[in-house]
Amino acid sequence: MARGKSPKPSAGVRVKVNEGVAMPEFADLSIAGWTGQVMETTGTGAKMKVILEWDAPSMEKLPASYLSHCESQGLMASLACLPVSDLEVAE
C-alpha cells in the first residue's frame, strides 16, 4: 500500500496511522490504519508531534487492557501523541 502524504499539521485534519506503528504508551498495541482528527501539534520540523483524537471506529478497537493502563497512568485513552511522520492524510 502506498503511503499518503504527510498531514498538514493543523487542527481538524483527519489522519490515518501508517503501517508498523504501535501505541507509544503500549508497545504491544498496533494502531496501523487507525484514524482520528488532529487536535493540535507540538514541536517543529522533524520533531513535530500531532495530538489526535481517535474516531469512533478506532475507539472500538481499544482493548480493555489498554483502557486499564490509561486509567492507572492518568492518560486519556481517546487521545494519542504521534510523530507527524507516522501519519498520513485520511481519505
PDB file of N, CA and C in Angstrom:
ATOM      1  N   MET A   1       0.840  -1.174   0.000  1.00  0.00           N
ATOM      2  CA  MET A   1       0.000   0.000   0.000  1.00  0.00           C
ATOM      3  C   MET A   1       0.882   1.233   0.000  1.00  0.00           C
ATOM      4  N   ALA A   2       0.636   2.131  -0.893  1.00  0.00           N
ATOM      5  CA  ALA A   2       1.422   3.353  -0.975  1.00  0.00           C
ATOM      6  C   ALA A   2       1.054   4.279   0.166  1.00  0.00           C
ATOM      7  N   ARG A   3       2.058   4.931   0.694  1.00  0.00           N
ATOM      8  CA  ARG A   3       1.823   5.873   1.772  1.00  0.00           C
ATOM      9  C   ARG A   3       1.289   7.169   1.201  1.00  0.00           C
ATOM     10  N   GLY A   4       0.340   7.766   1.911  1.00  0.00           N
ATOM     11  CA  GLY A   4      -0.192   9.060   1.514  1.00  0.00           C
ATOM     12  C   GLY A   4       0.766  10.153   1.925  1.00  0.00           C
ATOM     13  N   LYS A   5       0.404  11.374   1.621  1.00  0.00           N
ATOM     14  CA  LYS A   5       1.272  12.473   2.003  1.00  0.00           C
ATOM     15  C   LYS A   5       1.078  12.801   3.473  1.00  0.00           C
ATOM     16  N   SER A   6       2.121  13.373   4.073  1.00  0.00           N
ATOM     17  CA  SER A   6       2.032  13.764   5.473  1.00  0.00           C
ATOM     18  C   SER A   6       0.931  14.798   5.647  1.00  0.00           C
ATOM     19  N   PRO A   7       0.259  14.758   6.789  1.00  0.00           N
ATOM     20  CA  PRO A   7      -0.827  15.696   7.005  1.00  0.00           C
ATOM     21  C   PRO A   7      -0.323  17.112   7.198  1.00  0.00           C
ATOM     22  N   LYS A   8      -1.156  18.079   6.845  1.00  0.00           N
ATOM     23  CA  LYS A   8      -0.870  19.446   7.229  1.00  0.00           C
ATOM     24  C   LYS A   8      -1.083  19.489   8.728  1.00  0.00           C
ATOM     25  N   PRO A   9      -0.094  19.919   9.467  1.00  0.00           N
ATOM     26  CA  PRO A   9      -0.211  19.882  10.928  1.00  0.00           C
ATOM     27  C   PRO A   9      -1.107  20.986  11.474  1.00  0.00           C
ATOM     28  N   SER A  10      -2.402  20.834  11.254  1.00  0.00           N
ATOM     29  CA  SER A  10      -3.338  21.818  11.773  1.00  0.00           C
ATOM     30  C   SER A  10      -4.588  21.123  12.294  1.00  0.00           C
ATOM     31  N   ALA A  11      -5.220  21.771  13.235  1.00  0.00           N
ATOM     32  CA  ALA A  11      -6.421  21.214  13.850  1.00  0.00           C
ATOM     33  C   ALA A  11      -7.491  20.949  12.798  1.00  0.00           C
ATOM     34  N   GLY A  12      -8.173  19.822  12.979  1.00  0.00           N
ATOM     35  CA  GLY A  12      -9.284  19.480  12.109  1.00  0.00           C
ATOM     36  C   GLY A  12      -8.952  18.530  10.980  1.00  0.00           C
ATOM     37  N   VAL A  13      -7.670  18.326  10.673  1.00  0.00           N
ATOM     38  CA  VAL A  13      -7.283  17.422   9.595  1.00  0.00           C
ATOM     39  C   VAL A  13      -7.511  15.982  10.052  1.00  0.00           C
ATOM     40  N   ARG A  14      -8.143  15.188   9.213  1.00  0.00           N
ATOM     41  CA  ARG A  14      -8.372  13.765   9.512  1.00  0.00           C
ATOM     42  C   ARG A  14      -7.151  12.986   9.038  1.00  0.00           C
ATOM     43  N   VAL A  15      -6.597  12.152   9.930  1.00  0.00           N
ATOM     44  CA  VAL A  15      -5.375  11.415   9.625  1.00  0.00           C
ATOM     45  C   VAL A  15      -5.552   9.922   9.851  1.00  0.00           C
ATOM     46  N   LYS A  16      -4.648   9.170   9.231  1.00  0.00           N
ATOM     47  CA  LYS A  16      -4.606   7.709   9.356  1.00  0.00           C
ATOM     48  C   LYS A  16      -3.189   7.334   9.766  1.00  0.00           C
ATOM     49  N   VAL A  17      -3.069   6.361  10.664  1.00  0.00           N
ATOM     50  CA  VAL A  17      -1.765   5.906  11.143  1.00  0.00           C
ATOM     51  C   VAL A  17      -1.144   4.963  10.119  1.00  0.00           C
ATOM     52  N   ASN A  18       0.140   5.155   9.842  1.00  0.00           N
ATOM     53  CA  ASN A  18       0.876   4.331   8.882  1.00  0.00           C
ATOM     54  C   ASN A  18       1.086   2.911   9.402  1.00  0.00           C
ATOM     55  N   GLU A  19       1.371   2.006   8.481  1.00  0.00           N
ATOM     56  CA  GLU A  19       1.686   0.612   8.826  1.00  0.00           C
ATOM     57  C   GLU A  19       2.913   0.567   9.747  1.00  0.00           C
ATOM     58  N   GLY A  20       2.915  -0.408  10.648  1.00  0.00           N
ATOM     59  CA  GLY A  20       4.073  -0.631  11.515  1.00  0.00           C
ATOM     60  C   GLY A  20       4.140   0.255  12.744  1.00  0.00           C
ATOM     61  N   VAL A  21       3.100   1.040  13.020  1.00  0.00           N
ATOM     62  CA  VAL A  21       3.116   1.959  14.160  1.00  0.00           C
ATOM     63  C   VAL A  21       2.347   1.340  15.328  1.00  0.00           C
ATOM     64  N   ALA A  22       2.941   1.432  16.519  1.00  0.00           N
ATOM     65  CA  ALA A  22       2.307   0.943  17.743  1.00  0.00           C
ATOM     66  C   ALA A  22       2.005   2.130  18.655  1.00  0.00           C
ATOM     67  N   MET A  23       1.090   1.926  19.592  1.00  0.00           N
ATOM     68  CA  MET A  23       0.739   2.963  20.555  1.00  0.00           C
ATOM     69  C   MET A  23       1.971   3.267  21.414  1.00  0.00           C
ATOM     70  N   PRO A  24       2.371   4.526  21.513  1.00  0.00           N
ATOM     71  CA  PRO A  24       3.586   4.860  22.267  1.00  0.00           C
ATOM     72  C   PRO A  24       3.592   4.369  23.712  1.00  0.00           C
ATOM     73  N   GLU A  25       2.472   4.434  24.405  1.00  0.00           N
ATOM     74  CA  GLU A  25       2.421   4.024  25.811  1.00  0.00           C
ATOM     75  C   GLU A  25       2.157   2.527  25.980  1.00  0.00           C
ATOM     76  N   PHE A  26       1.987   1.804  24.871  1.00  0.00           N
ATOM     77  CA  PHE A  26       1.575   0.405  24.940  1.00  0.00           C
ATOM     78  C   PHE A  26       2.117  -0.295  23.701  1.00  0.00           C
ATOM     79  N   ALA A  27       3.399  -0.582  23.699  1.00  0.00           N
ATOM     80  CA  ALA A  27       4.119  -1.040  22.507  1.00  0.00           C
ATOM     81  C   ALA A  27       3.531  -2.300  21.850  1.00  0.00           C
ATOM     82  N   ASP A  28       2.756  -3.086  22.580  1.00  0.00           N
ATOM     83  CA  ASP A  28       2.167  -4.303  22.010  1.00  0.00           C
ATOM     84  C   ASP A  28       0.883  -4.030  21.221  1.00  0.00           C
ATOM     85  N   LEU A  29       0.406  -2.787  21.229  1.00  0.00           N
ATOM     86  CA  LEU A  29      -0.849  -2.448  20.565  1.00  0.00           C
ATOM     87  C   LEU A  29      -0.578  -1.767  19.230  1.00  0.00           C
ATOM     88  N   SER A  30      -0.779  -2.522  18.139  1.00  0.00           N
ATOM     89  CA  SER A  30      -0.631  -1.957  16.798  1.00  0.00           C
ATOM     90  C   SER A  30      -1.800  -1.016  16.531  1.00  0.00           C
ATOM     91  N   ILE A  31      -1.484   0.178  16.042  1.00  0.00           N
ATOM     92  CA  ILE A  31      -2.527   1.146  15.701  1.00  0.00           C
ATOM     93  C   ILE A  31      -2.495   1.470  14.205  1.00  0.00           C
ATOM     94  N   ALA A  32      -1.830   0.624  13.439  1.00  0.00           N
ATOM     95  CA  ALA A  32      -1.761   0.807  11.980  1.00  0.00           C
ATOM     96  C   ALA A  32      -3.167   0.859  11.396  1.00  0.00           C
ATOM     97  N   GLY A  33      -3.435   1.868  10.589  1.00  0.00           N
ATOM     98  CA  GLY A  33      -4.725   2.006   9.940  1.00  0.00           C
ATOM     99  C   GLY A  33      -5.774   2.737  10.752  1.00  0.00           C
ATOM    100  N   TRP A  34      -5.491   3.003  12.024  1.00  0.00           N
ATOM    101  CA  TRP A  34      -6.462   3.716  12.845  1.00  0.00           C
ATOM    102  C   TRP A  34      -6.575   5.151  12.354  1.00  0.00           C
ATOM    103  N   THR A  35      -7.720   5.766  12.576  1.00  0.00           N
ATOM    104  CA  THR A  35      -7.954   7.125  12.106  1.00  0.00           C
ATOM    105  C   THR A  35      -8.450   8.025  13.229  1.00  0.00           C
ATOM    106  N   GLY A  36      -8.199   9.305  13.036  1.00  0.00           N
ATOM    107  CA  GLY A  36      -8.637  10.292  14.011  1.00  0.00           C
ATOM    108  C   GLY A  36      -8.477  11.686  13.454  1.00  0.00           C
ATOM    109  N   GLN A  37      -8.718  12.662  14.303  1.00  0.00           N
ATOM    110  CA  GLN A  37      -8.672  14.061  13.901  1.00  0.00           C
ATOM    111  C   GLN A  37      -7.596  14.789  14.690  1.00  0.00           C
ATOM    112  N   VAL A  38      -6.798  15.599  13.993  1.00  0.00           N
ATOM    113  CA  VAL A  38      -5.755  16.390  14.639  1.00  0.00           C
ATOM    114  C   VAL A  38      -6.419  17.411  15.561  1.00  0.00           C
ATOM    115  N   MET A  39      -5.955  17.418  16.819  1.00  0.00           N
ATOM    116  CA  MET A  39      -6.432  18.401  17.788  1.00  0.00           C
ATOM    117  C   MET A  39      -5.460  19.575  17.868  1.00  0.00           C
ATOM    118  N   GLU A  40      -4.160  19.249  17.886  1.00  0.00           N
ATOM    119  CA  GLU A  40      -3.121  20.274  17.922  1.00  0.00           C
ATOM    120  C   GLU A  40      -1.778  19.631  17.602  1.00  0.00           C
ATOM    121  N   THR A  41      -0.761  20.460  17.448  1.00  0.00           N
ATOM    122  CA  THR A  41       0.593  19.979  17.195  1.00  0.00           C
ATOM    123  C   THR A  41       1.541  20.573  18.215  1.00  0.00           C
ATOM    124  N   THR A  42       2.670  19.880  18.408  1.00  0.00           N
ATOM    125  CA  THR A  42       3.731  20.386  19.264  1.00  0.00           C
ATOM    126  C   THR A  42       5.052  20.203  18.537  1.00  0.00           C
ATOM    127  N   GLY A  43       6.016  21.056  18.815  1.00  0.00           N
ATOM    128  CA  GLY A  43       7.333  20.947  18.193  1.00  0.00           C
ATOM    129  C   GLY A  43       7.315  21.483  16.770  1.00  0.00           C
ATOM    130  N   THR A  44       8.486  21.376  16.145  1.00  0.00           N
ATOM    131  CA  THR A  44       8.640  21.850  14.774  1.00  0.00           C
ATOM    132  C   THR A  44       9.512  20.888  13.989  1.00  0.00           C
ATOM    133  N   GLY A  45       9.429  20.992  12.679  1.00  0.00           N
ATOM    134  CA  GLY A  45      10.273  20.200  11.789  1.00  0.00           C
ATOM    135  C   GLY A  45      10.168  18.711  12.049  1.00  0.00           C
ATOM    136  N   ALA A  46      11.328  18.039  12.058  1.00  0.00           N
ATOM    137  CA  ALA A  46      11.368  16.588  12.230  1.00  0.00           C
ATOM    138  C   ALA A  46      10.877  16.145  13.611  1.00  0.00           C
ATOM    139  N   LYS A  47      10.864  17.057  14.576  1.00  0.00           N
ATOM    140  CA  LYS A  47      10.424  16.719  15.930  1.00  0.00           C
ATOM    141  C   LYS A  47       8.950  17.025  16.177  1.00  0.00           C
ATOM    142  N   MET A  48       8.222  17.407  15.123  1.00  0.00           N
ATOM    143  CA  MET A  48       6.809  17.747  15.286  1.00  0.00           C
ATOM    144  C   MET A  48       6.004  16.509  15.669  1.00  0.00           C
ATOM    145  N   LYS A  49       5.130  16.699  16.635  1.00  0.00           N
ATOM    146  CA  LYS A  49       4.206  15.643  17.045  1.00  0.00           C
ATOM    147  C   LYS A  49       2.782  16.150  16.897  1.00  0.00           C
ATOM    148  N   VAL A  50       1.887  15.208  16.641  1.00  0.00           N
ATOM    149  CA  VAL A  50       0.475  15.511  16.446  1.00  0.00           C
ATOM    150  C   VAL A  50      -0.316  14.892  17.591  1.00  0.00           C
ATOM    151  N   ILE A  51      -1.127  15.698  18.218  1.00  0.00           N
ATOM    152  CA  ILE A  51      -2.055  15.191  19.223  1.00  0.00           C
ATOM    153  C   ILE A  51      -3.379  14.987  18.495  1.00  0.00           C
ATOM    154  N   LEU A  52      -3.833  13.738  18.496  1.00  0.00           N
ATOM    155  CA  LEU A  52      -5.056  13.430  17.762  1.00  0.00           C
ATOM    156  C   LEU A  52      -6.067  12.745  18.653  1.00  0.00           C
ATOM    157  N   GLU A  53      -7.313  12.882  18.251  1.00  0.00           N
ATOM    158  CA  GLU A  53      -8.409  12.214  18.942  1.00  0.00           C
ATOM    159  C   GLU A  53      -8.935  11.122  18.026  1.00  0.00           C
ATOM    160  N   TRP A  54      -8.979   9.883  18.546  1.00  0.00           N
ATOM    161  CA  TRP A  54      -9.453   8.753  17.763  1.00  0.00           C
ATOM    162  C   TRP A  54     -10.915   8.929  17.399  1.00  0.00           C
ATOM    163  N   ASP A  55     -11.298   8.451  16.216  1.00  0.00           N
ATOM    164  CA  ASP A  55     -12.706   8.433  15.829  1.00  0.00           C
ATOM    165  C   ASP A  55     -13.378   7.204  16.445  1.00  0.00           C
ATOM    166  N   ALA A  56     -14.690   7.116  16.305  1.00  0.00           N
ATOM    167  CA  ALA A  56     -15.453   6.027  16.935  1.00  0.00           C
ATOM    168  C   ALA A  56     -14.989   4.633  16.506  1.00  0.00           C
ATOM    169  N   PRO A  57     -14.768   4.367  15.205  1.00  0.00           N
ATOM    170  CA  PRO A  57     -14.309   3.022  14.831  1.00  0.00           C
ATOM    171  C   PRO A  57     -12.963   2.652  15.476  1.00  0.00           C
ATOM    172  N   SER A  58     -12.072   3.609  15.612  1.00  0.00           N
ATOM    173  CA  SER A  58     -10.777   3.329  16.249  1.00  0.00           C
ATOM    174  C   SER A  58     -10.950   3.124  17.749  1.00  0.00           C
ATOM    175  N   MET A  59     -11.811   3.901  18.386  1.00  0.00           N
ATOM    176  CA  MET A  59     -12.065   3.741  19.823  1.00  0.00           C
ATOM    177  C   MET A  59     -12.591   2.341  20.137  1.00  0.00           C
ATOM    178  N   GLU A  60     -13.379   1.778  19.217  1.00  0.00           N
ATOM    179  CA  GLU A  60     -13.920   0.432  19.431  1.00  0.00           C
ATOM    180  C   GLU A  60     -12.831  -0.635  19.420  1.00  0.00           C
ATOM    181  N   LYS A  61     -11.679  -0.326  18.846  1.00  0.00           N
ATOM    182  CA  LYS A  61     -10.570  -1.286  18.769  1.00  0.00           C
ATOM    183  C   LYS A  61      -9.713  -1.294  20.027  1.00  0.00           C
ATOM    184  N   LEU A  62      -9.907  -0.322  20.920  1.00  0.00           N
ATOM    185  CA  LEU A  62      -9.081  -0.248  22.123  1.00  0.00           C
ATOM    186  C   LEU A  62      -9.375  -1.425  23.043  1.00  0.00           C
ATOM    187  N   PRO A  63      -8.357  -2.231  23.343  1.00  0.00           N
ATOM    188  CA  PRO A  63      -8.577  -3.370  24.237  1.00  0.00           C
ATOM    189  C   PRO A  63      -8.741  -2.921  25.686  1.00  0.00           C
ATOM    190  N   ALA A  64      -9.426  -3.731  26.467  1.00  0.00           N
ATOM    191  CA  ALA A  64      -9.654  -3.429  27.882  1.00  0.00           C
ATOM    192  C   ALA A  64      -8.335  -3.222  28.621  1.00  0.00           C
ATOM    193  N   SER A  65      -7.305  -3.983  28.254  1.00  0.00           N
ATOM    194  CA  SER A  65      -6.006  -3.837  28.922  1.00  0.00           C
ATOM    195  C   SER A  65      -5.411  -2.449  28.705  1.00  0.00           C
ATOM    196  N   TYR A  66      -5.628  -1.886  27.515  1.00  0.00           N
ATOM    197  CA  TYR A  66      -5.135  -0.535  27.243  1.00  0.00           C
ATOM    198  C   TYR A  66      -5.944   0.490  28.027  1.00  0.00           C
ATOM    199  N   LEU A  67      -7.244   0.316  28.063  1.00  0.00           N
ATOM    200  CA  LEU A  67      -8.089   1.239  28.823  1.00  0.00           C
ATOM    201  C   LEU A  67      -7.700   1.234  30.297  1.00  0.00           C
ATOM    202  N   SER A  68      -7.429   0.061  30.859  1.00  0.00           N
ATOM    203  CA  SER A  68      -6.982  -0.041  32.254  1.00  0.00           C
ATOM    204  C   SER A  68      -5.639   0.633  32.448  1.00  0.00           C
ATOM    205  N   HIS A  69      -4.732   0.430  31.496  1.00  0.00           N
ATOM    206  CA  HIS A  69      -3.412   1.056  31.549  1.00  0.00           C
ATOM    207  C   HIS A  69      -3.566   2.582  31.582  1.00  0.00           C
ATOM    208  N   CYS A  70      -4.388   3.118  30.700  1.00  0.00           N
ATOM    209  CA  CYS A  70      -4.599   4.570  30.647  1.00  0.00           C
ATOM    210  C   CYS A  70      -5.168   5.086  31.964  1.00  0.00           C
ATOM    211  N   GLU A  71      -6.156   4.379  32.488  1.00  0.00           N
ATOM    212  CA  GLU A  71      -6.772   4.803  33.745  1.00  0.00           C
ATOM    213  C   GLU A  71      -5.750   4.831  34.873  1.00  0.00           C
ATOM    214  N   SER A  72      -4.909   3.803  34.963  1.00  0.00           N
ATOM    215  CA  SER A  72      -3.922   3.739  36.043  1.00  0.00           C
ATOM    216  C   SER A  72      -2.810   4.774  35.892  1.00  0.00           C
ATOM    217  N   GLN A  73      -2.551   5.220  34.664  1.00  0.00           N
ATOM    218  CA  GLN A  73      -1.488   6.191  34.411  1.00  0.00           C
ATOM    219  C   GLN A  73      -2.008   7.621  34.261  1.00  0.00           C
ATOM    220  N   GLY A  74      -3.312   7.808  34.340  1.00  0.00           N
ATOM    221  CA  GLY A  74      -3.892   9.134  34.185  1.00  0.00           C
ATOM    222  C   GLY A  74      -3.849   9.643  32.756  1.00  0.00           C
ATOM    223  N   LEU A  75      -3.889   8.718  31.793  1.00  0.00           N
ATOM    224  CA  LEU A  75      -3.859   9.070  30.374  1.00  0.00           C
ATOM    225  C   LEU A  75      -5.274   9.042  29.797  1.00  0.00           C
ATOM    226  N   MET A  76      -5.506   9.847  28.787  1.00  0.00           N
ATOM    227  CA  MET A  76      -6.799   9.846  28.103  1.00  0.00           C
ATOM    228  C   MET A  76      -6.731   8.855  26.950  1.00  0.00           C
ATOM    229  N   ALA A  77      -7.492   7.789  27.015  1.00  0.00           N
ATOM    230  CA  ALA A  77      -7.458   6.732  26.004  1.00  0.00           C
ATOM    231  C   ALA A  77      -7.905   7.226  24.633  1.00  0.00           C
ATOM    232  N   SER A  78      -8.704   8.283  24.596  1.00  0.00           N
ATOM    233  CA  SER A  78      -9.225   8.776  23.326  1.00  0.00           C
ATOM    234  C   SER A  78      -8.231   9.647  22.560  1.00  0.00           C
ATOM    235  N   LEU A  79      -7.091   9.941  23.178  1.00  0.00           N
ATOM    236  CA  LEU A  79      -6.081  10.788  22.548  1.00  0.00           C
ATOM    237  C   LEU A  79      -4.773  10.038  22.366  1.00  0.00           C
ATOM    238  N   ALA A  80      -3.994  10.459  21.373  1.00  0.00           N
ATOM    239  CA  ALA A  80      -2.653   9.916  21.167  1.00  0.00           C
ATOM    240  C   ALA A  80      -1.757  11.053  20.692  1.00  0.00           C
ATOM    241  N   CYS A  81      -0.485  10.937  21.002  1.00  0.00           N
ATOM    242  CA  CYS A  81       0.511  11.899  20.541  1.00  0.00           C
ATOM    243  C   CYS A  81       1.525  11.117  19.708  1.00  0.00           C
ATOM    244  N   LEU A  82       1.570  11.410  18.413  1.00  0.00           N
ATOM    245  CA  LEU A  82       2.418  10.661  17.483  1.00  0.00           C
ATOM    246  C   LEU A  82       3.262  11.602  16.642  1.00  0.00           C
ATOM    247  N   PRO A  83       4.450  11.147  16.227  1.00  0.00           N
ATOM    248  CA  PRO A  83       5.235  11.944  15.281  1.00  0.00           C
ATOM    249  C   PRO A  83       4.455  12.120  13.986  1.00  0.00           C
ATOM    250  N   VAL A  84       4.550  13.298  13.390  1.00  0.00           N
ATOM    251  CA  VAL A  84       3.827  13.564  12.147  1.00  0.00           C
ATOM    252  C   VAL A  84       4.236  12.571  11.058  1.00  0.00           C
ATOM    253  N   SER A  85       5.457  12.035  11.137  1.00  0.00           N
ATOM    254  CA  SER A  85       5.936  11.070  10.140  1.00  0.00           C
ATOM    255  C   SER A  85       5.204   9.725  10.234  1.00  0.00           C
ATOM    256  N   ASP A  86       4.497   9.452  11.328  1.00  0.00           N
ATOM    257  CA  ASP A  86       3.737   8.203  11.489  1.00  0.00           C
ATOM    258  C   ASP A  86       2.337   8.297  10.903  1.00  0.00           C
ATOM    259  N   LEU A  87       1.998   9.442  10.327  1.00  0.00           N
ATOM    260  CA  LEU A  87       0.633   9.693   9.874  1.00  0.00           C
ATOM    261  C   LEU A  87       0.561  10.076   8.416  1.00  0.00           C
ATOM    262  N   GLU A  88      -0.621   9.875   7.844  1.00  0.00           N
ATOM    263  CA  GLU A  88      -0.907  10.366   6.501  1.00  0.00           C
ATOM    264  C   GLU A  88      -2.319  10.939   6.520  1.00  0.00           C
ATOM    265  N   VAL A  89      -2.610  11.791   5.565  1.00  0.00           N
ATOM    266  CA  VAL A  89      -3.951  12.350   5.460  1.00  0.00           C
ATOM    267  C   VAL A  89      -4.916  11.234   5.097  1.00  0.00           C
ATOM    268  N   ALA A  90      -6.010  11.128   5.843  1.00  0.00           N
ATOM    269  CA  ALA A  90      -7.021  10.095   5.568  1.00  0.00           C
ATOM    270  C   ALA A  90      -7.929  10.563   4.449  1.00  0.00           C
ATOM    271  N   GLU A  91      -8.363   9.609   3.639  1.00  0.00           N
ATOM    272  CA  GLU A  91      -9.268   9.941   2.523  1.00  0.00           C
ATOM    273  C   GLU A  91     -10.692   9.912   2.966  1.00  0.00           C
TER     274      GLU A  91
END
